[in-house]
Protein backbone atom coordinates (compact mmCIF):
# COMPACT_ATOMS: atom_id res chain seq x y z
CA MET A 1 0.04 -0.05 0.01
CA ILE A 2 1.32 3.36 -0.95
CA SER A 3 1.44 6.04 1.78
CA LEU A 4 2.33 9.71 1.71
CA ASN A 5 3.09 11.89 4.75
CA ARG A 6 3.84 15.54 3.56
CA VAL A 7 2.27 18.69 4.70
CA MET A 8 2.75 22.34 3.95
CA VAL A 9 1.46 25.04 6.24
CA ALA A 10 1.93 28.85 6.68
CA GLY A 11 1.23 30.91 9.76
CA ASN A 12 2.76 33.12 12.48
CA LEU A 13 4.96 31.77 15.28
CA THR A 14 3.26 31.72 18.58
CA ARG A 15 6.46 31.74 20.67
CA ASP A 16 10.17 32.18 20.23
CA PRO A 17 11.89 28.93 19.09
CA GLU A 18 13.75 27.08 21.92
CA LEU A 19 17.03 25.49 20.94
CA LYS A 20 17.76 22.31 22.93
CA VAL A 21 20.17 19.48 22.74
CA THR A 22 19.38 15.74 23.22
CA PRO A 23 21.48 13.47 25.38
CA SER A 24 23.17 12.24 22.17
CA ASN A 25 24.07 15.78 21.26
CA ARG A 26 21.57 16.37 18.46
CA LYS A 27 20.20 19.88 18.36
CA PHE A 28 16.56 20.52 17.92
CA THR A 29 14.03 23.36 18.40
CA ASN A 30 10.37 23.32 19.37
CA MET A 31 8.11 25.96 17.87
CA ALA A 32 4.38 26.42 17.17
CA ILE A 33 2.42 28.36 14.54
CA ALA A 34 -1.05 29.82 14.44
CA ILE A 35 -3.07 29.25 11.24
CA ASN A 36 -6.19 31.27 10.80
CA ASP A 37 -9.10 29.96 8.76
CA PHE A 38 -11.90 32.36 7.67
CA TRP A 39 -15.33 31.62 6.25
CA LYS A 40 -18.84 33.03 6.06
CA ASN A 41 -21.80 31.36 7.83
CA GLN A 42 -25.33 31.11 6.33
CA ASP A 43 -26.09 34.61 7.45
CA GLY A 44 -23.11 36.00 5.71
CA LYS A 45 -21.19 36.77 8.94
CA MET A 46 -17.50 36.37 8.67
CA LEU A 47 -16.10 33.79 11.19
CA LYS A 48 -12.55 32.88 12.12
CA LYS A 49 -10.99 29.81 13.65
CA THR A 50 -7.39 29.58 14.69
CA SER A 51 -5.48 26.34 14.82
CA PHE A 52 -2.24 25.97 16.78
CA ILE A 53 0.28 23.54 15.31
CA ASN A 54 3.39 22.20 17.13
CA LEU A 55 6.55 22.01 15.09
CA ILE A 56 9.99 20.48 15.60
CA ALA A 57 13.22 21.12 13.55
CA TRP A 58 16.52 19.33 13.82
CA GLY A 59 20.18 20.08 13.18
CA SER A 60 21.21 23.18 11.34
CA LEU A 61 17.63 23.92 10.51
CA ALA A 62 16.85 24.14 14.19
CA GLU A 63 19.83 26.35 14.80
CA ASN A 64 18.82 28.76 12.05
CA CYS A 65 15.22 28.87 13.24
CA ALA A 66 16.34 29.69 16.89
CA LYS A 67 18.81 32.28 15.57
CA TYR A 68 16.64 34.24 13.29
CA LEU A 69 12.93 33.63 14.10
CA LYS A 70 10.85 35.26 16.85
CA LYS A 71 7.26 35.17 18.00
CA GLY A 72 4.87 36.68 15.49
CA ARG A 73 7.05 36.06 12.48
CA PRO A 74 5.28 34.54 9.45
CA VAL A 75 6.78 31.25 8.17
CA MET A 76 5.84 28.63 5.73
CA VAL A 77 6.79 25.05 6.83
CA GLU A 78 7.00 21.79 4.87
CA GLY A 79 7.35 18.61 6.72
CA ARG A 80 5.93 15.35 7.99
CA ILE A 81 3.13 14.80 10.47
CA GLU A 82 4.31 12.67 13.39
CA CYS A 83 2.53 11.43 16.50
CA ASP A 84 4.50 10.56 19.65
CA LYS A 85 3.64 9.49 23.14
CA TYR A 86 5.56 9.96 26.37
CA GLU A 87 5.03 9.72 30.09
CA ASP A 88 4.62 12.98 32.09
CA LYS A 89 5.88 13.61 35.55
CA ASN A 90 2.90 11.88 37.04
CA GLY A 91 3.35 8.72 35.01
CA LYS A 92 0.36 9.47 32.78
CA THR A 93 0.76 8.80 29.00
CA GLN A 94 0.58 11.98 27.01
CA TYR A 95 0.25 12.19 23.12
CA ILE A 96 1.59 14.86 20.83
CA THR A 97 1.04 15.52 17.16
CA ARG A 98 3.42 17.83 15.44
CA ILE A 99 5.07 18.63 12.17
CA ASN A 100 8.66 17.39 11.81
CA CYS A 101 10.11 20.33 9.63
CA ILE A 102 11.90 19.57 6.45
CA ASN A 103 11.90 23.16 5.08
CA VAL A 104 11.20 26.42 6.87
CA VAL A 105 10.73 29.46 4.77
CA PHE A 106 11.09 32.75 6.62
CA LEU A 107 8.39 35.00 5.22
CA GLU A 108 8.46 38.74 5.28
CA ASN A 109 5.54 40.44 7.05
CA SER A 110 4.37 43.35 4.84
CA SER A 111 4.36 45.67 7.90
CA ARG A 112 7.84 44.65 9.13
CA ASN A 113 10.57 47.18 9.07
CA THR A 114 13.04 46.10 6.32
CA GLU A 115 16.04 47.65 8.14
CA SER A 116 15.69 44.99 10.91
CA ASN A 117 15.71 42.39 8.22
CA ASP A 118 19.27 43.01 6.93
CA GLU A 119 20.77 39.97 8.66
CA LEU A 120 17.98 37.68 7.35
CA GLU A 121 18.48 38.74 3.81
CA GLU A 122 21.92 37.11 3.81
CA GLU A 123 20.65 33.54 3.82
CA ASN A 124 17.53 31.42 3.22
CA PHE A 125 17.60 27.97 4.78
CA CYS A 126 16.55 24.64 3.26
CA GLU A 127 17.59 21.69 5.42
CA SER A 128 16.61 19.03 2.92
CA SER A 129 18.86 20.20 0.21
CA LYS A 130 21.53 21.96 2.37
CA ILE A 131 21.33 25.01 0.15
CA GLN A 132 22.26 28.50 1.23
CA SER A 133 20.90 30.73 -1.50
CA LYS A 134 22.36 34.07 -2.60
CA LYS A 135 21.78 37.48 -0.95
CA ASN A 136 18.22 38.84 -1.02
CA SER A 137 16.62 35.48 -1.59
CA ILE A 138 14.05 35.87 1.24
CA SER A 139 10.77 36.95 -0.20
CA LYS A 140 9.53 40.41 0.62
CA LYS A 141 6.06 39.44 -0.71
CA PRO A 142 3.11 39.58 1.65
CA VAL A 143 2.37 36.13 3.19
CA ARG A 144 -0.98 35.69 1.38
CA LYS A 145 0.54 36.23 -2.01
CA MET A 146 3.45 33.90 -1.19
CA VAL A 147 1.12 31.13 0.00
CA LYS A 148 -1.09 31.47 -3.03
CA GLU A 149 1.86 31.16 -5.38
CA VAL A 150 3.12 28.02 -3.57
CA ALA A 151 -0.37 26.44 -3.57
CA GLU A 152 -0.61 27.18 -7.39
CA ALA A 153 2.71 25.52 -7.90
CA TYR A 154 1.43 22.24 -6.45
């Protein structure tokens, strides 16, 4: 049976990424994004639902996310959905669903001050292909336009 586990989402970070190290010395960062969904009900009233998605990144991708990303920053993430379980401090089994990041695209918020983005313009990070692209490669397009272009490409 063929299976596919690939997801692409875009939203705003809900907290600063936390860089951590496993006992085997692997670096990782935990993050989360908020994704807004808008629709009209039968009365024509605009409604909004926000979903909060946990993320994990590993290696150099984790380091770059921790170094350059902050709460509120728009990002587009490509990765795999994974479900894990663990025991909490009380011995109770807890379950977590998150996206294991393969690529993280740092999007430019249209209201963001471009002077504070000079450092980010130097590099765009793509863990799966280990590419560091040329200067000015990070998009300055508004998030909606960027997401629309990516969706059309697929």
